[in-house]
Amino acid sequence: MVRILLETELVRATTPGNYQSESVPLPVSFFSREAEIVRDCQKGDFITIGCHLYGSRFEATDGTIKHGVHIIADQVLQGARSPKELCAR
């Protein structure tokens, strides 16, 4: 298993014609073949992945229930590429 912190950019409309963007870090888990592909990724590499969401439930000792989401990679559609490699295409 390999876990990476994938940073993506969220862009949303704030008012008609105006947009706001923010970086959103997301932890993603890779298993098997997919883990081998991304094992050597470095900060700044670009990858394209297909994922599914896996819901989780945790019940604390005080009875409080919390829910979470795990992001599990199904496919690596494009392996790691540096920004320079992408611009050269």
PDB file of N, CA and C in Angstrom:
ATOM      1  N   MET A   1       0.848  -1.179   0.000  1.00  0.00           N
ATOM      2  CA  MET A   1       0.000   0.000   0.000  1.00  0.00           C
ATOM      3  C   MET A   1       0.895   1.244   0.000  1.00  0.00           C
ATOM      4  N   VAL A   2       0.475   2.229  -0.768  1.00  0.00           N
ATOM      5  CA  VAL A   2       1.142   3.527  -0.808  1.00  0.00           C
ATOM      6  C   VAL A   2       0.081   4.589  -0.567  1.00  0.00           C
ATOM      7  N   ARG A   3       0.384   5.540   0.311  1.00  0.00           N
ATOM      8  CA  ARG A   3      -0.517   6.668   0.547  1.00  0.00           C
ATOM      9  C   ARG A   3       0.200   7.938   0.125  1.00  0.00           C
ATOM     10  N   ILE A   4      -0.490   8.762  -0.649  1.00  0.00           N
ATOM     11  CA  ILE A   4       0.084  10.051  -1.026  1.00  0.00           C
ATOM     12  C   ILE A   4      -0.898  11.150  -0.664  1.00  0.00           C
ATOM     13  N   LEU A   5      -0.385  12.334  -0.488  1.00  0.00           N
ATOM     14  CA  LEU A   5      -1.213  13.506  -0.254  1.00  0.00           C
ATOM     15  C   LEU A   5      -1.269  14.237  -1.588  1.00  0.00           C
ATOM     16  N   LEU A   6      -2.395  14.115  -2.252  1.00  0.00           N
ATOM     17  CA  LEU A   6      -2.591  14.678  -3.583  1.00  0.00           C
ATOM     18  C   LEU A   6      -3.197  16.060  -3.457  1.00  0.00           C
ATOM     19  N   GLU A   7      -2.594  17.037  -4.080  1.00  0.00           N
ATOM     20  CA  GLU A   7      -3.131  18.397  -4.025  1.00  0.00           C
ATOM     21  C   GLU A   7      -3.852  18.704  -5.331  1.00  0.00           C
ATOM     22  N   THR A   8      -5.072  19.122  -5.216  1.00  0.00           N
ATOM     23  CA  THR A   8      -5.866  19.495  -6.377  1.00  0.00           C
ATOM     24  C   THR A   8      -6.347  20.925  -6.190  1.00  0.00           C
ATOM     25  N   GLU A   9      -6.856  21.513  -7.241  1.00  0.00           N
ATOM     26  CA  GLU A   9      -7.325  22.892  -7.150  1.00  0.00           C
ATOM     27  C   GLU A   9      -8.837  22.925  -7.324  1.00  0.00           C
ATOM     28  N   LEU A  10      -9.512  23.550  -6.384  1.00  0.00           N
ATOM     29  CA  LEU A  10     -10.952  23.736  -6.439  1.00  0.00           C
ATOM     30  C   LEU A  10     -11.220  25.149  -6.950  1.00  0.00           C
ATOM     31  N   VAL A  11     -11.966  25.238  -8.044  1.00  0.00           N
ATOM     32  CA  VAL A  11     -12.334  26.544  -8.597  1.00  0.00           C
ATOM     33  C   VAL A  11     -13.853  26.625  -8.561  1.00  0.00           C
ATOM     34  N   ARG A  12     -14.356  27.691  -7.970  1.00  0.00           N
ATOM     35  CA  ARG A  12     -15.813  27.845  -7.875  1.00  0.00           C
ATOM     36  C   ARG A  12     -16.204  29.282  -8.187  1.00  0.00           C
ATOM     37  N   ALA A  13     -17.399  29.427  -8.716  1.00  0.00           N
ATOM     38  CA  ALA A  13     -17.925  30.759  -9.029  1.00  0.00           C
ATOM     39  C   ALA A  13     -18.404  31.412  -7.742  1.00  0.00           C
ATOM     40  N   THR A  14     -17.954  32.635  -7.493  1.00  0.00           N
ATOM     41  CA  THR A  14     -18.405  33.367  -6.307  1.00  0.00           C
ATOM     42  C   THR A  14     -19.564  34.276  -6.668  1.00  0.00           C
ATOM     43  N   THR A  15     -19.469  34.933  -7.787  1.00  0.00           N
ATOM     44  CA  THR A  15     -20.537  35.747  -8.363  1.00  0.00           C
ATOM     45  C   THR A  15     -20.423  35.563  -9.876  1.00  0.00           C
ATOM     46  N   PRO A  16     -21.431  35.932 -10.650  1.00  0.00           N
ATOM     47  CA  PRO A  16     -21.340  35.765 -12.099  1.00  0.00           C
ATOM     48  C   PRO A  16     -20.076  36.430 -12.665  1.00  0.00           C
ATOM     49  N   GLY A  17     -19.242  35.611 -13.322  1.00  0.00           N
ATOM     50  CA  GLY A  17     -18.022  36.116 -13.928  1.00  0.00           C
ATOM     51  C   GLY A  17     -16.812  36.169 -13.011  1.00  0.00           C
ATOM     52  N   ASN A  18     -16.990  35.892 -11.728  1.00  0.00           N
ATOM     53  CA  ASN A  18     -15.869  35.906 -10.775  1.00  0.00           C
ATOM     54  C   ASN A  18     -15.679  34.517 -10.179  1.00  0.00           C
ATOM     55  N   TYR A  19     -14.415  34.145 -10.052  1.00  0.00           N
ATOM     56  CA  TYR A  19     -14.098  32.807  -9.556  1.00  0.00           C
ATOM     57  C   TYR A  19     -13.061  32.882  -8.446  1.00  0.00           C
ATOM     58  N   GLN A  20     -13.115  31.901  -7.589  1.00  0.00           N
ATOM     59  CA  GLN A  20     -12.162  31.797  -6.492  1.00  0.00           C
ATOM     60  C   GLN A  20     -11.558  30.398  -6.560  1.00  0.00           C
ATOM     61  N   SER A  21     -10.248  30.317  -6.367  1.00  0.00           N
ATOM     62  CA  SER A  21      -9.619  29.000  -6.373  1.00  0.00           C
ATOM     63  C   SER A  21      -8.896  28.782  -5.044  1.00  0.00           C
ATOM     64  N   GLU A  22      -8.817  27.529  -4.672  1.00  0.00           N
ATOM     65  CA  GLU A  22      -8.076  27.166  -3.469  1.00  0.00           C
ATOM     66  C   GLU A  22      -7.481  25.775  -3.652  1.00  0.00           C
ATOM     67  N   SER A  23      -6.332  25.566  -3.059  1.00  0.00           N
ATOM     68  CA  SER A  23      -5.694  24.260  -3.094  1.00  0.00           C
ATOM     69  C   SER A  23      -6.326  23.369  -2.042  1.00  0.00           C
ATOM     70  N   VAL A  24      -6.590  22.128  -2.427  1.00  0.00           N
ATOM     71  CA  VAL A  24      -7.223  21.174  -1.525  1.00  0.00           C
ATOM     72  C   VAL A  24      -6.360  19.915  -1.470  1.00  0.00           C
ATOM     73  N   PRO A  25      -5.713  19.632  -0.332  1.00  0.00           N
ATOM     74  CA  PRO A  25      -4.934  18.391  -0.208  1.00  0.00           C
ATOM     75  C   PRO A  25      -5.849  17.220   0.150  1.00  0.00           C
ATOM     76  N   LEU A  26      -5.684  16.110  -0.558  1.00  0.00           N
ATOM     77  CA  LEU A  26      -6.508  14.923  -0.328  1.00  0.00           C
ATOM     78  C   LEU A  26      -5.622  13.693  -0.164  1.00  0.00           C
ATOM     79  N   PRO A  27      -5.786  12.941   0.930  1.00  0.00           N
ATOM     80  CA  PRO A  27      -5.019  11.703   1.071  1.00  0.00           C
ATOM     81  C   PRO A  27      -5.646  10.609   0.198  1.00  0.00           C
ATOM     82  N   VAL A  28      -4.810   9.948  -0.610  1.00  0.00           N
ATOM     83  CA  VAL A  28      -5.281   8.895  -1.507  1.00  0.00           C
ATOM     84  C   VAL A  28      -4.481   7.630  -1.237  1.00  0.00           C
ATOM     85  N   SER A  29      -5.166   6.484  -1.165  1.00  0.00           N
ATOM     86  CA  SER A  29      -4.511   5.192  -0.953  1.00  0.00           C
ATOM     87  C   SER A  29      -4.426   4.426  -2.271  1.00  0.00           C
ATOM     88  N   PHE A  30      -3.257   3.812  -2.501  1.00  0.00           N
ATOM     89  CA  PHE A  30      -3.010   3.015  -3.698  1.00  0.00           C
ATOM     90  C   PHE A  30      -2.622   1.613  -3.261  1.00  0.00           C
ATOM     91  N   PHE A  31      -3.107   0.599  -3.958  1.00  0.00           N
ATOM     92  CA  PHE A  31      -2.787  -0.786  -3.658  1.00  0.00           C
ATOM     93  C   PHE A  31      -2.281  -1.478  -4.923  1.00  0.00           C
ATOM     94  N   SER A  32      -1.519  -2.540  -4.732  1.00  0.00           N
ATOM     95  CA  SER A  32      -1.132  -3.429  -5.806  1.00  0.00           C
ATOM     96  C   SER A  32      -0.387  -2.733  -6.932  1.00  0.00           C
ATOM     97  N   ARG A  33      -0.860  -2.968  -8.174  1.00  0.00           N
ATOM     98  CA  ARG A  33      -0.207  -2.401  -9.357  1.00  0.00           C
ATOM     99  C   ARG A  33      -0.171  -0.892  -9.314  1.00  0.00           C
ATOM    100  N   GLU A  34      -1.262  -0.274  -8.863  1.00  0.00           N
ATOM    101  CA  GLU A  34      -1.329   1.187  -8.784  1.00  0.00           C
ATOM    102  C   GLU A  34      -0.282   1.721  -7.805  1.00  0.00           C
ATOM    103  N   ALA A  35      -0.074   1.014  -6.702  1.00  0.00           N
ATOM    104  CA  ALA A  35       0.931   1.436  -5.721  1.00  0.00           C
ATOM    105  C   ALA A  35       2.324   1.391  -6.330  1.00  0.00           C
ATOM    106  N   GLU A  36       2.605   0.375  -7.130  1.00  0.00           N
ATOM    107  CA  GLU A  36       3.914   0.275  -7.776  1.00  0.00           C
ATOM    108  C   GLU A  36       4.146   1.440  -8.742  1.00  0.00           C
ATOM    109  N   ILE A  37       3.109   1.861  -9.437  1.00  0.00           N
ATOM    110  CA  ILE A  37       3.235   2.945 -10.419  1.00  0.00           C
ATOM    111  C   ILE A  37       3.572   4.269  -9.733  1.00  0.00           C
ATOM    112  N   VAL A  38       2.946   4.554  -8.593  1.00  0.00           N
ATOM    113  CA  VAL A  38       3.133   5.868  -7.953  1.00  0.00           C
ATOM    114  C   VAL A  38       4.181   5.867  -6.839  1.00  0.00           C
ATOM    115  N   ARG A  39       4.775   4.734  -6.568  1.00  0.00           N
ATOM    116  CA  ARG A  39       5.718   4.602  -5.458  1.00  0.00           C
ATOM    117  C   ARG A  39       6.836   5.648  -5.493  1.00  0.00           C
ATOM    118  N   ASP A  40       7.312   6.000  -6.663  1.00  0.00           N
ATOM    119  CA  ASP A  40       8.436   6.926  -6.777  1.00  0.00           C
ATOM    120  C   ASP A  40       8.017   8.360  -7.110  1.00  0.00           C
ATOM    121  N   CYS A  41       6.753   8.688  -6.958  1.00  0.00           N
ATOM    122  CA  CYS A  41       6.301  10.058  -7.217  1.00  0.00           C
ATOM    123  C   CYS A  41       7.002  11.024  -6.267  1.00  0.00           C
ATOM    124  N   GLN A  42       7.277  12.192  -6.770  1.00  0.00           N
ATOM    125  CA  GLN A  42       7.902  13.245  -5.989  1.00  0.00           C
ATOM    126  C   GLN A  42       6.959  14.434  -5.917  1.00  0.00           C
ATOM    127  N   LYS A  43       7.168  15.281  -4.924  1.00  0.00           N
ATOM    128  CA  LYS A  43       6.374  16.496  -4.797  1.00  0.00           C
ATOM    129  C   LYS A  43       6.509  17.301  -6.100  1.00  0.00           C
ATOM    130  N   GLY A  44       5.375  17.727  -6.646  1.00  0.00           N
ATOM    131  CA  GLY A  44       5.375  18.492  -7.887  1.00  0.00           C
ATOM    132  C   GLY A  44       5.052  17.663  -9.120  1.00  0.00           C
ATOM    133  N   ASP A  45       5.061  16.310  -8.999  1.00  0.00           N
ATOM    134  CA  ASP A  45       4.697  15.455 -10.124  1.00  0.00           C
ATOM    135  C   ASP A  45       3.203  15.573 -10.394  1.00  0.00           C
ATOM    136  N   PHE A  46       2.818  15.368 -11.646  1.00  0.00           N
ATOM    137  CA  PHE A  46       1.414  15.381 -12.030  1.00  0.00           C
ATOM    138  C   PHE A  46       0.989  13.960 -12.370  1.00  0.00           C
ATOM    139  N   ILE A  47      -0.139  13.514 -11.801  1.00  0.00           N
ATOM    140  CA  ILE A  47      -0.680  12.206 -12.137  1.00  0.00           C
ATOM    141  C   ILE A  47      -2.183  12.354 -12.368  1.00  0.00           C
ATOM    142  N   THR A  48      -2.718  11.451 -13.156  1.00  0.00           N
ATOM    143  CA  THR A  48      -4.161  11.393 -13.383  1.00  0.00           C
ATOM    144  C   THR A  48      -4.627  10.032 -12.901  1.00  0.00           C
ATOM    145  N   ILE A  49      -5.595  10.020 -11.990  1.00  0.00           N
ATOM    146  CA  ILE A  49      -6.034   8.762 -11.399  1.00  0.00           C
ATOM    147  C   ILE A  49      -7.555   8.642 -11.437  1.00  0.00           C
ATOM    148  N   GLY A  50      -8.021   7.403 -11.436  1.00  0.00           N
ATOM    149  CA  GLY A  50      -9.436   7.101 -11.253  1.00  0.00           C
ATOM    150  C   GLY A  50      -9.599   6.551  -9.850  1.00  0.00           C
ATOM    151  N   CYS A  51     -10.609   6.979  -9.126  1.00  0.00           N
ATOM    152  CA  CYS A  51     -10.777   6.598  -7.714  1.00  0.00           C
ATOM    153  C   CYS A  51     -12.211   6.228  -7.395  1.00  0.00           C
ATOM    154  N   HIS A  52     -12.387   5.596  -6.263  1.00  0.00           N
ATOM    155  CA  HIS A  52     -13.718   5.428  -5.688  1.00  0.00           C
ATOM    156  C   HIS A  52     -13.666   5.871  -4.227  1.00  0.00           C
ATOM    157  N   LEU A  53     -14.811   6.201  -3.697  1.00  0.00           N
ATOM    158  CA  LEU A  53     -14.920   6.649  -2.312  1.00  0.00           C
ATOM    159  C   LEU A  53     -15.417   5.496  -1.461  1.00  0.00           C
ATOM    160  N   TYR A  54     -14.810   5.355  -0.301  1.00  0.00           N
ATOM    161  CA  TYR A  54     -15.181   4.301   0.624  1.00  0.00           C
ATOM    162  C   TYR A  54     -15.568   4.956   1.945  1.00  0.00           C
ATOM    163  N   GLY A  55     -16.811   4.811   2.335  1.00  0.00           N
ATOM    164  CA  GLY A  55     -17.293   5.431   3.565  1.00  0.00           C
ATOM    165  C   GLY A  55     -16.847   4.665   4.797  1.00  0.00           C
ATOM    166  N   SER A  56     -16.625   5.384   5.887  1.00  0.00           N
ATOM    167  CA  SER A  56     -16.248   4.751   7.145  1.00  0.00           C
ATOM    168  C   SER A  56     -17.126   5.307   8.269  1.00  0.00           C
ATOM    169  N   ARG A  57     -17.212   4.526   9.326  1.00  0.00           N
ATOM    170  CA  ARG A  57     -18.021   4.914  10.482  1.00  0.00           C
ATOM    171  C   ARG A  57     -17.230   4.586  11.735  1.00  0.00           C
ATOM    172  N   PHE A  58     -17.186   5.525  12.675  1.00  0.00           N
ATOM    173  CA  PHE A  58     -16.468   5.332  13.926  1.00  0.00           C
ATOM    174  C   PHE A  58     -17.385   5.719  15.073  1.00  0.00           C
ATOM    175  N   GLU A  59     -17.517   4.815  16.031  1.00  0.00           N
ATOM    176  CA  GLU A  59     -18.325   5.113  17.215  1.00  0.00           C
ATOM    177  C   GLU A  59     -17.399   5.248  18.412  1.00  0.00           C
ATOM    178  N   ALA A  60     -17.365   6.444  19.003  1.00  0.00           N
ATOM    179  CA  ALA A  60     -16.514   6.717  20.165  1.00  0.00           C
ATOM    180  C   ALA A  60     -17.104   6.053  21.407  1.00  0.00           C
ATOM    181  N   THR A  61     -16.314   5.993  22.456  1.00  0.00           N
ATOM    182  CA  THR A  61     -16.772   5.360  23.698  1.00  0.00           C
ATOM    183  C   THR A  61     -17.949   6.098  24.326  1.00  0.00           C
ATOM    184  N   ASP A  62     -18.089   7.398  24.009  1.00  0.00           N
ATOM    185  CA  ASP A  62     -19.224   8.159  24.550  1.00  0.00           C
ATOM    186  C   ASP A  62     -20.473   8.024  23.687  1.00  0.00           C
ATOM    187  N   GLY A  63     -20.418   7.174  22.654  1.00  0.00           N
ATOM    188  CA  GLY A  63     -21.581   6.947  21.795  1.00  0.00           C
ATOM    189  C   GLY A  63     -21.659   7.867  20.583  1.00  0.00           C
ATOM    190  N   THR A  64     -20.785   8.861  20.500  1.00  0.00           N
ATOM    191  CA  THR A  64     -20.769   9.762  19.352  1.00  0.00           C
ATOM    192  C   THR A  64     -20.345   8.991  18.111  1.00  0.00           C
ATOM    193  N   ILE A  65     -21.076   9.193  17.028  1.00  0.00           N
ATOM    194  CA  ILE A  65     -20.764   8.518  15.771  1.00  0.00           C
ATOM    195  C   ILE A  65     -20.218   9.539  14.786  1.00  0.00           C
ATOM    196  N   LYS A  66     -19.092   9.199  14.194  1.00  0.00           N
ATOM    197  CA  LYS A  66     -18.485  10.061  13.185  1.00  0.00           C
ATOM    198  C   LYS A  66     -18.343   9.270  11.898  1.00  0.00           C
ATOM    199  N   HIS A  67     -18.530   9.962  10.782  1.00  0.00           N
ATOM    200  CA  HIS A  67     -18.397   9.347   9.467  1.00  0.00           C
ATOM    201  C   HIS A  67     -17.238   9.989   8.726  1.00  0.00           C
ATOM    202  N   GLY A  68     -16.587   9.219   7.893  1.00  0.00           N
ATOM    203  CA  GLY A  68     -15.476   9.727   7.102  1.00  0.00           C
ATOM    204  C   GLY A  68     -15.496   9.123   5.716  1.00  0.00           C
ATOM    205  N   VAL A  69     -14.588   9.574   4.887  1.00  0.00           N
ATOM    206  CA  VAL A  69     -14.474   9.080   3.522  1.00  0.00           C
ATOM    207  C   VAL A  69     -13.004   8.784   3.238  1.00  0.00           C
ATOM    208  N   HIS A  70     -12.742   7.623   2.676  1.00  0.00           N
ATOM    209  CA  HIS A  70     -11.402   7.254   2.224  1.00  0.00           C
ATOM    210  C   HIS A  70     -11.416   7.275   0.703  1.00  0.00           C
ATOM    211  N   ILE A  71     -10.352   7.791   0.104  1.00  0.00           N
ATOM    212  CA  ILE A  71     -10.234   7.826  -1.351  1.00  0.00           C
ATOM    213  C   ILE A  71      -9.275   6.706  -1.743  1.00  0.00           C
ATOM    214  N   ILE A  72      -9.780   5.762  -2.539  1.00  0.00           N
ATOM    215  CA  ILE A  72      -8.998   4.603  -2.965  1.00  0.00           C
ATOM    216  C   ILE A  72      -8.809   4.675  -4.477  1.00  0.00           C
ATOM    217  N   ALA A  73      -7.556   4.648  -4.924  1.00  0.00           N
ATOM    218  CA  ALA A  73      -7.266   4.721  -6.358  1.00  0.00           C
ATOM    219  C   ALA A  73      -7.558   3.376  -7.021  1.00  0.00           C
ATOM    220  N   ASP A  74      -8.293   3.400  -8.139  1.00  0.00           N
ATOM    221  CA  ASP A  74      -8.580   2.212  -8.931  1.00  0.00           C
ATOM    222  C   ASP A  74      -7.641   2.097 -10.125  1.00  0.00           C
ATOM    223  N   GLN A  75      -7.275   3.250 -10.687  1.00  0.00           N
ATOM    224  CA  GLN A  75      -6.471   3.283 -11.900  1.00  0.00           C
ATOM    225  C   GLN A  75      -5.510   4.457 -11.856  1.00  0.00           C
ATOM    226  N   VAL A  76      -4.359   4.270 -12.455  1.00  0.00           N
ATOM    227  CA  VAL A  76      -3.458   5.381 -12.722  1.00  0.00           C
ATOM    228  C   VAL A  76      -3.503   5.556 -14.229  1.00  0.00           C
ATOM    229  N   LEU A  77      -4.176   6.604 -14.673  1.00  0.00           N
ATOM    230  CA  LEU A  77      -4.400   6.822 -16.095  1.00  0.00           C
ATOM    231  C   LEU A  77      -3.199   7.471 -16.761  1.00  0.00           C
ATOM    232  N   GLN A  78      -2.456   8.245 -15.993  1.00  0.00           N
ATOM    233  CA  GLN A  78      -1.222   8.858 -16.490  1.00  0.00           C
ATOM    234  C   GLN A  78      -0.237   8.859 -15.344  1.00  0.00           C
ATOM    235  N   GLY A  79       0.939   8.286 -15.572  1.00  0.00           N
ATOM    236  CA  GLY A  79       1.951   8.213 -14.532  1.00  0.00           C
ATOM    237  C   GLY A  79       2.541   9.571 -14.222  1.00  0.00           C
ATOM    238  N   ALA A  80       3.412   9.593 -13.246  1.00  0.00           N
ATOM    239  CA  ALA A  80       4.020  10.843 -12.785  1.00  0.00           C
ATOM    240  C   ALA A  80       4.782  11.526 -13.901  1.00  0.00           C
ATOM    241  N   ARG A  81       4.535  12.810 -14.039  1.00  0.00           N
ATOM    242  CA  ARG A  81       5.245  13.637 -15.011  1.00  0.00           C
ATOM    243  C   ARG A  81       5.536  14.962 -14.349  1.00  0.00           C
ATOM    244  N   SER A  82       6.704  15.443 -14.574  1.00  0.00           N
ATOM    245  CA  SER A  82       7.065  16.747 -14.016  1.00  0.00           C
ATOM    246  C   SER A  82       6.389  17.839 -14.830  1.00  0.00           C
ATOM    247  N   PRO A  83       6.211  19.038 -14.263  1.00  0.00           N
ATOM    248  CA  PRO A  83       5.618  20.141 -15.014  1.00  0.00           C
ATOM    249  C   PRO A  83       6.363  20.434 -16.315  1.00  0.00           C
ATOM    250  N   LYS A  84       7.694  20.276 -16.315  1.00  0.00           N
ATOM    251  CA  LYS A  84       8.487  20.535 -17.526  1.00  0.00           C
ATOM    252  C   LYS A  84       8.114  19.550 -18.636  1.00  0.00           C
ATOM    253  N   GLU A  85       7.921  18.283 -18.292  1.00  0.00           N
ATOM    254  CA  GLU A  85       7.542  17.284 -19.286  1.00  0.00           C
ATOM    255  C   GLU A  85       6.182  17.595 -19.891  1.00  0.00           C
ATOM    256  N   LEU A  86       5.250  18.055 -19.065  1.00  0.00           N
ATOM    257  CA  LEU A  86       3.908  18.361 -19.569  1.00  0.00           C
ATOM    258  C   LEU A  86       3.943  19.553 -20.514  1.00  0.00           C
ATOM    259  N   CYS A  87       4.756  20.553 -20.213  1.00  0.00           N
ATOM    260  CA  CYS A  87       4.828  21.759 -21.044  1.00  0.00           C
ATOM    261  C   CYS A  87       5.508  21.466 -22.371  1.00  0.00           C
ATOM    262  N   ALA A  88       6.357  20.459 -22.430  1.00  0.00           N
ATOM    263  CA  ALA A  88       7.099  20.153 -23.645  1.00  0.00           C
ATOM    264  C   ALA A  88       6.219  19.446 -24.677  1.00  0.00           C
ATOM    265  N   ARG A  89       5.076  18.984 -24.312  1.00  0.00           N
ATOM    266  CA  ARG A  89       4.196  18.237 -25.217  1.00  0.00           C
ATOM    267  C   ARG A  89       3.476  19.138 -26.172  1.00  0.00           C
TER     268      ARG A  89
END
